[in-house]
Amino acid sequence: MSVLDLTVPAPTQATQGAEVAETIEATEFRLLGPVAVHNRQTGTSIAPSGPKQRALLATLVVHAGQHLSVDRLVEELWGDRPPANAPSALHTHVARLRRLLPAPGHEWISTLPTGYLLSLGSASTDAARFTRLSGQGRATAPSDPRDATRLLGQALALWQGSALQDSCHGPLCTAEAGRLEESRLTTQAPVPPPITW
């Protein structure tokens, strides 16, 4: 009589890599309302607990792919009254944010000699989806007002509050929130009827 081997094989490096890639692809950074990290597969969201953490995440996501110097990030978080140990405090906030982000093992935030850089990879943002849907809706309006209204409605449905809610402490996030809110107003404008001759 043989005994069945019911041990579960340990995950291989390839399967672990595929799981991380899947998690990254399912990740959406939310900026159209409270700042959060959302998993589109599971429907769960995580949000930094403190206002500085939210402001840091928002700033890095808004400027994803761009090097942000320590000085710019310190100004964004503390304005003209930074603590004496501001660079160390910023480093601590970045370390906490790294632990919060999904897909352990994936380097979302790179430390550079003079600052930090967030790489989205295959992750997305609700702001980018909003911009795409709004642009498609406006482009479709002259030829198909009904489809344009549908697309613009989908764009507006992404909003869960004011842009970068509770995260606008400094000039970078304040400017981006203003730009997004202006785009929201444009998207809310009625679709003009088709021109008939």
Protein backbone atom coordinates (compact mmCIF):
# COMPACT_ATOMS: atom_id res chain seq x y z
CA MET A 1 0.00 0.00 0.00
CA SER A 2 1.51 3.33 -1.05
CA VAL A 3 1.20 6.55 0.89
CA LEU A 4 0.11 9.60 -1.04
CA ASP A 5 2.39 12.59 -0.77
CA LEU A 6 0.07 15.48 0.03
CA THR A 7 2.76 18.06 0.72
CA VAL A 8 2.26 21.32 -1.13
CA PRO A 9 5.30 22.25 -3.19
CA ALA A 10 7.00 25.45 -2.18
CA PRO A 11 6.29 28.33 -4.53
CA THR A 12 8.95 28.70 -7.17
CA GLN A 13 10.62 31.96 -7.98
CA ALA A 14 8.63 32.09 -11.23
CA THR A 15 5.25 31.72 -9.46
CA GLN A 16 6.23 34.29 -6.84
CA GLY A 17 7.25 36.67 -9.61
CA ALA A 18 3.94 36.12 -11.40
CA GLU A 19 1.99 36.81 -8.19
CA VAL A 20 3.90 40.07 -7.62
CA ALA A 21 3.29 41.14 -11.24
CA GLU A 22 -0.43 40.32 -10.85
CA THR A 23 -0.64 42.39 -7.66
CA ILE A 24 1.09 45.35 -9.30
CA GLU A 25 -1.23 45.21 -12.31
CA ALA A 26 -4.30 45.09 -10.02
CA THR A 27 -3.07 48.09 -8.04
CA GLU A 28 -4.72 51.46 -8.59
CA PHE A 29 -3.61 54.56 -6.74
CA ARG A 30 -6.66 56.67 -5.90
CA LEU A 31 -6.35 60.44 -5.98
CA LEU A 32 -9.94 61.50 -6.79
CA GLY A 33 -11.07 61.69 -3.18
CA PRO A 34 -9.23 60.29 -0.15
CA VAL A 35 -5.75 59.14 -1.17
CA ALA A 36 -5.57 55.34 -1.05
CA VAL A 37 -4.13 52.24 -2.70
CA HIS A 38 -6.86 50.05 -4.18
CA ASN A 39 -6.72 46.43 -5.34
CA ARG A 40 -9.13 46.09 -8.27
CA GLN A 41 -9.17 42.27 -8.00
CA THR A 42 -10.17 42.04 -4.35
CA GLY A 43 -11.95 45.40 -4.06
CA THR A 44 -9.94 46.27 -0.94
CA SER A 45 -8.24 49.59 -0.24
CA ILE A 46 -5.51 50.65 2.12
CA ALA A 47 -4.83 54.23 3.09
CA PRO A 48 -1.96 55.77 5.00
CA SER A 49 -3.13 56.61 8.50
CA GLY A 50 -1.52 60.01 8.99
CA PRO A 51 -1.81 63.22 6.98
CA LYS A 52 1.95 63.37 6.26
CA GLN A 53 1.87 59.80 4.92
CA ARG A 54 -1.11 60.62 2.69
CA ALA A 55 0.56 63.80 1.44
CA LEU A 56 3.80 61.90 0.72
CA LEU A 57 1.99 59.14 -1.18
CA ALA A 58 -0.05 61.68 -3.16
CA THR A 59 3.06 63.68 -4.06
CA LEU A 60 5.01 60.62 -5.19
CA VAL A 61 2.08 59.27 -7.25
CA VAL A 62 1.27 62.63 -8.86
CA HIS A 63 4.92 62.85 -9.93
CA ALA A 64 5.44 59.14 -10.62
CA GLY A 65 8.53 58.47 -12.69
CA GLN A 66 10.09 61.78 -11.67
CA HIS A 67 12.92 62.35 -9.22
CA LEU A 68 11.69 64.41 -6.26
CA SER A 69 14.45 65.94 -4.17
CA VAL A 70 14.47 65.73 -0.40
CA ASP A 71 14.10 69.53 -0.27
CA ARG A 72 10.94 69.52 -2.43
CA LEU A 73 9.39 66.72 -0.40
CA VAL A 74 10.25 68.43 2.89
CA GLU A 75 8.62 71.62 1.60
CA GLU A 76 5.56 69.62 0.51
CA LEU A 77 5.13 67.99 3.93
CA TRP A 78 6.16 70.76 6.29
CA GLY A 79 6.08 73.99 4.30
CA ASP A 80 8.34 76.74 5.61
CA ARG A 81 8.44 75.23 9.12
CA PRO A 82 10.27 71.90 8.75
CA PRO A 83 11.50 70.14 11.87
CA ALA A 84 15.23 70.22 12.58
CA ASN A 85 15.51 66.55 11.57
CA ALA A 86 13.33 66.89 8.43
CA PRO A 87 15.43 64.61 6.13
CA SER A 88 15.43 61.84 8.77
CA ALA A 89 11.70 62.28 9.39
CA LEU A 90 11.08 62.11 5.64
CA HIS A 91 13.15 58.91 5.42
CA THR A 92 11.01 57.40 8.21
CA HIS A 93 7.80 58.32 6.36
CA VAL A 94 9.15 56.74 3.16
CA ALA A 95 10.07 53.54 5.04
CA ARG A 96 6.55 53.31 6.51
CA LEU A 97 5.01 53.93 3.11
CA ARG A 98 7.12 51.15 1.57
CA ARG A 99 5.75 48.71 4.15
CA LEU A 100 2.19 49.81 3.36
CA LEU A 101 2.39 49.33 -0.41
CA PRO A 102 1.29 45.98 -1.88
CA ALA A 103 3.46 43.37 -3.63
CA PRO A 104 6.29 42.91 -1.11
CA GLY A 105 9.54 42.54 -2.96
CA HIS A 106 8.59 45.07 -5.63
CA GLU A 107 10.48 48.33 -5.35
CA TRP A 108 7.78 50.99 -5.70
CA ILE A 109 9.93 53.77 -4.24
CA SER A 110 13.58 54.10 -5.24
CA THR A 111 16.02 55.97 -3.03
CA LEU A 112 18.25 58.22 -5.11
CA PRO A 113 21.31 60.15 -3.93
CA THR A 114 19.30 63.35 -3.45
CA GLY A 115 15.70 62.18 -3.17
CA TYR A 116 13.09 59.59 -4.11
CA LEU A 117 11.22 58.30 -7.16
CA LEU A 118 8.01 56.26 -7.34
CA SER A 119 7.60 53.90 -10.28
CA LEU A 120 4.05 52.86 -11.19
CA GLY A 121 5.10 50.02 -13.47
CA SER A 122 1.87 48.37 -14.64
CA ALA A 123 -0.17 49.91 -11.80
CA SER A 124 -2.61 52.69 -12.64
CA THR A 125 -4.27 55.75 -11.13
CA ASP A 126 -7.91 56.74 -11.06
CA ALA A 127 -6.81 60.20 -12.22
CA ALA A 128 -5.33 58.74 -15.41
CA ARG A 129 -8.51 56.72 -16.03
CA PHE A 130 -10.59 59.85 -15.48
CA THR A 131 -8.47 61.85 -17.93
CA ARG A 132 -8.71 59.10 -20.56
CA LEU A 133 -12.49 58.66 -20.25
CA SER A 134 -13.10 62.41 -20.16
CA GLY A 135 -10.96 62.93 -23.27
CA GLN A 136 -12.75 60.12 -25.11
CA GLY A 137 -16.12 61.56 -24.12
CA ARG A 138 -15.27 65.05 -25.32
CA ALA A 139 -13.83 63.70 -28.59
CA THR A 140 -16.97 61.60 -29.19
CA ALA A 141 -19.44 64.39 -28.38
CA PRO A 142 -19.77 65.92 -31.88
CA SER A 143 -20.57 62.60 -33.57
CA ASP A 144 -22.26 60.59 -30.81
CA PRO A 145 -23.63 62.64 -27.88
CA ARG A 146 -25.19 59.57 -26.24
CA ASP A 147 -21.88 57.67 -26.13
CA ALA A 148 -20.13 60.86 -25.01
CA THR A 149 -22.57 61.22 -22.11
CA ARG A 150 -21.91 57.59 -21.12
CA LEU A 151 -18.12 58.04 -21.17
CA LEU A 152 -18.26 61.32 -19.27
CA GLY A 153 -20.56 59.71 -16.70
CA GLN A 154 -18.05 56.89 -16.22
CA ALA A 155 -15.28 59.47 -15.75
CA LEU A 156 -17.23 61.41 -13.14
CA ALA A 157 -18.22 58.22 -11.29
CA LEU A 158 -14.54 57.73 -10.39
CA TRP A 159 -14.67 60.73 -8.03
CA GLN A 160 -15.10 59.89 -4.33
CA GLY A 161 -14.63 63.42 -2.96
CA SER A 162 -12.39 66.39 -3.67
CA ALA A 163 -9.10 65.73 -5.45
CA LEU A 164 -6.29 64.60 -3.15
CA GLN A 165 -8.63 64.98 -0.18
CA ASP A 166 -6.77 65.69 3.09
CA SER A 167 -3.43 65.58 1.26
CA CYS A 168 -2.90 69.11 -0.04
CA HIS A 169 -0.27 70.51 2.28
CA GLY A 170 2.25 71.85 -0.20
CA PRO A 171 2.51 73.45 -3.63
CA LEU A 172 2.86 70.23 -5.67
CA CYS A 173 -0.34 68.57 -4.46
CA THR A 174 -2.25 71.84 -4.31
CA ALA A 175 -1.44 72.55 -7.97
CA GLU A 176 -2.42 69.02 -9.05
CA ALA A 177 -5.66 69.12 -7.05
CA GLY A 178 -6.55 72.42 -8.75
CA ARG A 179 -5.84 70.96 -12.19
CA LEU A 180 -7.95 67.88 -11.50
CA GLU A 181 -10.86 69.91 -10.11
CA GLU A 182 -10.79 72.16 -13.19
CA SER A 183 -10.88 69.09 -15.43
CA ARG A 184 -13.78 67.75 -13.38
CA LEU A 185 -15.75 70.96 -13.99
CA THR A 186 -15.07 70.72 -17.73
CA THR A 187 -16.26 67.12 -17.72
CA GLN A 188 -19.47 68.12 -15.91
CA ALA A 189 -20.34 70.66 -18.62
CA PRO A 190 -23.31 69.50 -20.71
CA VAL A 191 -22.59 67.69 -23.96
CA PRO A 192 -23.59 69.99 -26.84
CA PRO A 193 -26.19 68.60 -29.25
CA PRO A 194 -24.90 67.40 -32.62
CA ILE A 195 -24.74 69.99 -35.38
CA THR A 196 -27.31 69.27 -38.06
CA TRP A 197 -27.40 71.02 -41.41
